[in-house]
């Protein structure tokens, strides 16, 4: 019996040019009667979700909030850790976010020209502020005073 080609479930769903991503470079060839099987096409789904943590800056629009997401990265020349921030327009379908809330964002299909994130979780209070500062590895203001 002739050996059949092994089809990766990833390559069946998405065209991947990288041989490492499809697994063809790492997988040994198996014949049709091999006990090692490959998952049926459609059973493996690759989903790359981008989640962000930020603070609500404005909520003046209906079903939209502006969230400031801060990150810390080393400066390209001086290697000092520099804080940079970016504002995202986020879809808030229930209008439950208030200014100062810490929210978790998830990437979604575009709702409008600039809205590609949706609010997943809303946290309020001082614990949320501390969690946001710990995510950035910045000491919280009240922790400095103590």
C-alpha atoms as a PDB file:
ATOM      1  CA  UNK A   1       0.000   0.000   0.000  1.00  0.00           C
ATOM      2  CA  UNK A   2       1.341   3.465  -0.855  1.00  0.00           C
ATOM      3  CA  UNK A   3       2.185   5.921   1.898  1.00  0.00           C
ATOM      4  CA  UNK A   4      -0.307   8.746   2.161  1.00  0.00           C
ATOM      5  CA  UNK A   5       0.640  12.325   2.941  1.00  0.00           C
ATOM      6  CA  UNK A   6      -0.097  13.569   6.437  1.00  0.00           C
ATOM      7  CA  UNK A   7      -2.169  16.737   6.408  1.00  0.00           C
ATOM      8  CA  UNK A   8      -1.782  19.103   9.330  1.00  0.00           C
ATOM      9  CA  UNK A   9      -5.075  20.405  10.748  1.00  0.00           C
ATOM     10  CA  UNK A  10      -3.531  23.870  10.934  1.00  0.00           C
ATOM     11  CA  UNK A  11      -2.593  23.946   7.286  1.00  0.00           C
ATOM     12  CA  UNK A  12      -6.085  22.779   6.352  1.00  0.00           C
ATOM     13  CA  UNK A  13      -7.649  25.852   8.000  1.00  0.00           C
ATOM     14  CA  UNK A  14      -5.016  28.507   7.401  1.00  0.00           C
ATOM     15  CA  UNK A  15      -2.365  28.858   4.740  1.00  0.00           C
ATOM     16  CA  UNK A  16       0.899  28.939   6.682  1.00  0.00           C
ATOM     17  CA  UNK A  17       4.146  29.492   4.843  1.00  0.00           C
ATOM     18  CA  UNK A  18       6.356  28.628   7.780  1.00  0.00           C
ATOM     19  CA  UNK A  19       7.240  24.929   7.919  1.00  0.00           C
ATOM     20  CA  UNK A  20       7.730  25.116  11.664  1.00  0.00           C
ATOM     21  CA  UNK A  21       4.179  26.411  12.173  1.00  0.00           C
ATOM     22  CA  UNK A  22       2.674  23.606  10.089  1.00  0.00           C
ATOM     23  CA  UNK A  23       4.857  20.999  11.740  1.00  0.00           C
ATOM     24  CA  UNK A  24       6.060  19.477   8.472  1.00  0.00           C
ATOM     25  CA  UNK A  25       9.704  20.021   9.354  1.00  0.00           C
ATOM     26  CA  UNK A  26       9.403  18.246  12.702  1.00  0.00           C
ATOM     27  CA  UNK A  27       6.947  15.427  11.961  1.00  0.00           C
ATOM     28  CA  UNK A  28       8.318  12.108  10.720  1.00  0.00           C
ATOM     29  CA  UNK A  29       6.462  10.519   7.847  1.00  0.00           C
ATOM     30  CA  UNK A  30       3.893   7.890   8.821  1.00  0.00           C
ATOM     31  CA  UNK A  31       2.184   5.376   6.615  1.00  0.00           C
ATOM     32  CA  UNK A  32      -1.597   5.064   6.334  1.00  0.00           C
ATOM     33  CA  UNK A  33      -1.734   2.205   8.873  1.00  0.00           C
ATOM     34  CA  UNK A  34       0.200   4.066  11.559  1.00  0.00           C
ATOM     35  CA  UNK A  35      -1.305   4.154  15.043  1.00  0.00           C
ATOM     36  CA  UNK A  36      -0.253   7.791  15.461  1.00  0.00           C
ATOM     37  CA  UNK A  37      -3.076   9.811  14.010  1.00  0.00           C
ATOM     38  CA  UNK A  38      -3.645  13.434  13.216  1.00  0.00           C
ATOM     39  CA  UNK A  39      -6.615  15.346  14.614  1.00  0.00           C
ATOM     40  CA  UNK A  40      -9.547  15.589  12.287  1.00  0.00           C
ATOM     41  CA  UNK A  41      -9.727  18.818  10.282  1.00  0.00           C
ATOM     42  CA  UNK A  42     -11.781  21.386  12.132  1.00  0.00           C
ATOM     43  CA  UNK A  43     -11.148  19.976  15.598  1.00  0.00           C
ATOM     44  CA  UNK A  44      -8.148  22.216  16.239  1.00  0.00           C
ATOM     45  CA  UNK A  45      -8.817  25.933  16.219  1.00  0.00           C
ATOM     46  CA  UNK A  46      -6.103  28.536  16.597  1.00  0.00           C
ATOM     47  CA  UNK A  47      -7.374  31.761  18.098  1.00  0.00           C
ATOM     48  CA  UNK A  48      -5.008  34.607  18.894  1.00  0.00           C
ATOM     49  CA  UNK A  49      -6.759  36.929  21.310  1.00  0.00           C
ATOM     50  CA  UNK A  50      -5.167  40.163  22.316  1.00  0.00           C
ATOM     51  CA  UNK A  51      -6.124  41.251  25.821  1.00  0.00           C
ATOM     52  CA  UNK A  52      -5.131  44.564  27.361  1.00  0.00           C
ATOM     53  CA  UNK A  53      -5.491  46.140  30.787  1.00  0.00           C
ATOM     54  CA  UNK A  54      -6.123  49.857  31.001  1.00  0.00           C
ATOM     55  CA  UNK A  55      -7.821  52.754  32.748  1.00  0.00           C
ATOM     56  CA  UNK A  56     -10.948  54.554  31.517  1.00  0.00           C
ATOM     57  CA  UNK A  57     -10.174  58.167  30.612  1.00  0.00           C
ATOM     58  CA  UNK A  58     -13.464  59.351  29.070  1.00  0.00           C
ATOM     59  CA  UNK A  59     -16.958  57.926  28.789  1.00  0.00           C
ATOM     60  CA  UNK A  60     -18.810  60.827  27.193  1.00  0.00           C
ATOM     61  CA  UNK A  61     -19.896  58.932  24.052  1.00  0.00           C
ATOM     62  CA  UNK A  62     -22.761  56.447  23.906  1.00  0.00           C
ATOM     63  CA  UNK A  63     -21.548  52.818  24.059  1.00  0.00           C
ATOM     64  CA  UNK A  64     -17.924  53.958  23.733  1.00  0.00           C
ATOM     65  CA  UNK A  65     -15.169  54.690  26.212  1.00  0.00           C
ATOM     66  CA  UNK A  66     -11.595  55.829  25.812  1.00  0.00           C
ATOM     67  CA  UNK A  67      -9.128  53.616  27.647  1.00  0.00           C
ATOM     68  CA  UNK A  68      -5.499  54.499  28.295  1.00  0.00           C
ATOM     69  CA  UNK A  69      -3.212  51.458  28.125  1.00  0.00           C
ATOM     70  CA  UNK A  70       0.284  52.024  29.506  1.00  0.00           C
ATOM     71  CA  UNK A  71       3.322  49.902  28.872  1.00  0.00           C
ATOM     72  CA  UNK A  72       6.947  50.035  29.906  1.00  0.00           C
ATOM     73  CA  UNK A  73       9.681  49.327  27.381  1.00  0.00           C
ATOM     74  CA  UNK A  74      13.422  50.033  27.332  1.00  0.00           C
ATOM     75  CA  UNK A  75      14.576  53.111  25.452  1.00  0.00           C
ATOM     76  CA  UNK A  76      16.297  52.110  22.217  1.00  0.00           C
ATOM     77  CA  UNK A  77      19.456  54.152  22.878  1.00  0.00           C
ATOM     78  CA  UNK A  78      19.697  54.702  26.629  1.00  0.00           C
ATOM     79  CA  UNK A  79      18.111  51.404  27.779  1.00  0.00           C
ATOM     80  CA  UNK A  80      16.194  53.159  30.549  1.00  0.00           C
ATOM     81  CA  UNK A  81      12.678  51.874  31.130  1.00  0.00           C
ATOM     82  CA  UNK A  82      10.309  54.396  29.584  1.00  0.00           C
ATOM     83  CA  UNK A  83       6.576  54.490  30.163  1.00  0.00           C
ATOM     84  CA  UNK A  84       4.438  55.020  27.087  1.00  0.00           C
ATOM     85  CA  UNK A  85       0.668  55.198  26.839  1.00  0.00           C
ATOM     86  CA  UNK A  86      -1.826  54.717  24.045  1.00  0.00           C
ATOM     87  CA  UNK A  87      -5.521  55.569  23.990  1.00  0.00           C
ATOM     88  CA  UNK A  88      -7.970  53.049  22.557  1.00  0.00           C
ATOM     89  CA  UNK A  89     -11.608  53.695  21.670  1.00  0.00           C
ATOM     90  CA  UNK A  90     -13.436  50.705  23.161  1.00  0.00           C
ATOM     91  CA  UNK A  91     -16.971  49.389  22.676  1.00  0.00           C
ATOM     92  CA  UNK A  92     -18.966  49.373  25.929  1.00  0.00           C
ATOM     93  CA  UNK A  93     -22.405  48.053  24.946  1.00  0.00           C
ATOM     94  CA  UNK A  94     -23.984  48.445  28.394  1.00  0.00           C
ATOM     95  CA  UNK A  95     -22.468  51.844  29.285  1.00  0.00           C
ATOM     96  CA  UNK A  96     -21.255  50.456  32.619  1.00  0.00           C
ATOM     97  CA  UNK A  97     -17.736  51.993  32.638  1.00  0.00           C
ATOM     98  CA  UNK A  98     -17.012  55.118  34.652  1.00  0.00           C
ATOM     99  CA  UNK A  99     -13.956  57.362  34.573  1.00  0.00           C
ATOM    100  CA  UNK A 100     -11.138  55.831  36.603  1.00  0.00           C
ATOM    101  CA  UNK A 101     -12.286  52.206  36.303  1.00  0.00           C
ATOM    102  CA  UNK A 102      -9.700  49.577  35.414  1.00  0.00           C
ATOM    103  CA  UNK A 103     -10.944  47.466  32.507  1.00  0.00           C
ATOM    104  CA  UNK A 104      -9.825  44.414  30.588  1.00  0.00           C
ATOM    105  CA  UNK A 105     -10.116  44.719  26.814  1.00  0.00           C
ATOM    106  CA  UNK A 106     -10.339  41.993  24.199  1.00  0.00           C
ATOM    107  CA  UNK A 107      -9.787  42.266  20.478  1.00  0.00           C
ATOM    108  CA  UNK A 108     -12.925  41.843  18.389  1.00  0.00           C
ATOM    109  CA  UNK A 109     -14.197  42.420  14.890  1.00  0.00           C
ATOM    110  CA  UNK A 110     -14.273  46.132  14.049  1.00  0.00           C
ATOM    111  CA  UNK A 111     -17.387  47.820  15.412  1.00  0.00           C
ATOM    112  CA  UNK A 112     -16.563  51.100  13.680  1.00  0.00           C
ATOM    113  CA  UNK A 113     -13.546  52.771  12.085  1.00  0.00           C
ATOM    114  CA  UNK A 114     -11.546  53.048  15.325  1.00  0.00           C
ATOM    115  CA  UNK A 115     -13.323  50.614  17.675  1.00  0.00           C
ATOM    116  CA  UNK A 116     -11.734  47.154  17.529  1.00  0.00           C
ATOM    117  CA  UNK A 117     -11.749  46.312  21.237  1.00  0.00           C
ATOM    118  CA  UNK A 118     -14.613  45.452  23.566  1.00  0.00           C
ATOM    119  CA  UNK A 119     -14.797  45.731  27.368  1.00  0.00           C
ATOM    120  CA  UNK A 120     -14.613  42.273  28.952  1.00  0.00           C
ATOM    121  CA  UNK A 121     -14.325  43.054  32.653  1.00  0.00           C
ATOM    122  CA  UNK A 122     -14.741  46.205  34.751  1.00  0.00           C
ATOM    123  CA  UNK A 123     -12.948  46.596  38.092  1.00  0.00           C
ATOM    124  CA  UNK A 124     -13.386  49.523  40.432  1.00  0.00           C
ATOM    125  CA  UNK A 125     -11.702  50.662  43.607  1.00  0.00           C
ATOM    126  CA  UNK A 126      -8.221  50.818  45.022  1.00  0.00           C
ATOM    127  CA  UNK A 127      -7.489  47.103  44.486  1.00  0.00           C
ATOM    128  CA  UNK A 128      -7.986  47.566  40.756  1.00  0.00           C
ATOM    129  CA  UNK A 129      -5.546  50.490  40.784  1.00  0.00           C
ATOM    130  CA  UNK A 130      -2.983  48.363  42.613  1.00  0.00           C
ATOM    131  CA  UNK A 131      -3.439  45.525  40.123  1.00  0.00           C
ATOM    132  CA  UNK A 132      -2.861  47.915  37.226  1.00  0.00           C
ATOM    133  CA  UNK A 133       0.312  49.301  38.799  1.00  0.00           C
ATOM    134  CA  UNK A 134       1.578  45.780  39.553  1.00  0.00           C
ATOM    135  CA  UNK A 135       1.001  44.796  35.935  1.00  0.00           C
ATOM    136  CA  UNK A 136       3.276  47.675  34.958  1.00  0.00           C
ATOM    137  CA  UNK A 137       5.674  46.988  37.853  1.00  0.00           C
ATOM    138  CA  UNK A 138       5.234  50.545  39.112  1.00  0.00           C
ATOM    139  CA  UNK A 139       4.858  51.121  42.867  1.00  0.00           C
ATOM    140  CA  UNK A 140       1.412  52.319  43.896  1.00  0.00           C
ATOM    141  CA  UNK A 141       1.378  55.841  45.407  1.00  0.00           C
ATOM    142  CA  UNK A 142      -0.003  54.790  48.789  1.00  0.00           C
ATOM    143  CA  UNK A 143       2.569  51.964  48.975  1.00  0.00           C
ATOM    144  CA  UNK A 144       5.338  54.587  48.682  1.00  0.00           C
ATOM    145  CA  UNK A 145       3.946  56.563  51.623  1.00  0.00           C
ATOM    146  CA  UNK A 146       3.845  53.510  53.899  1.00  0.00           C
END
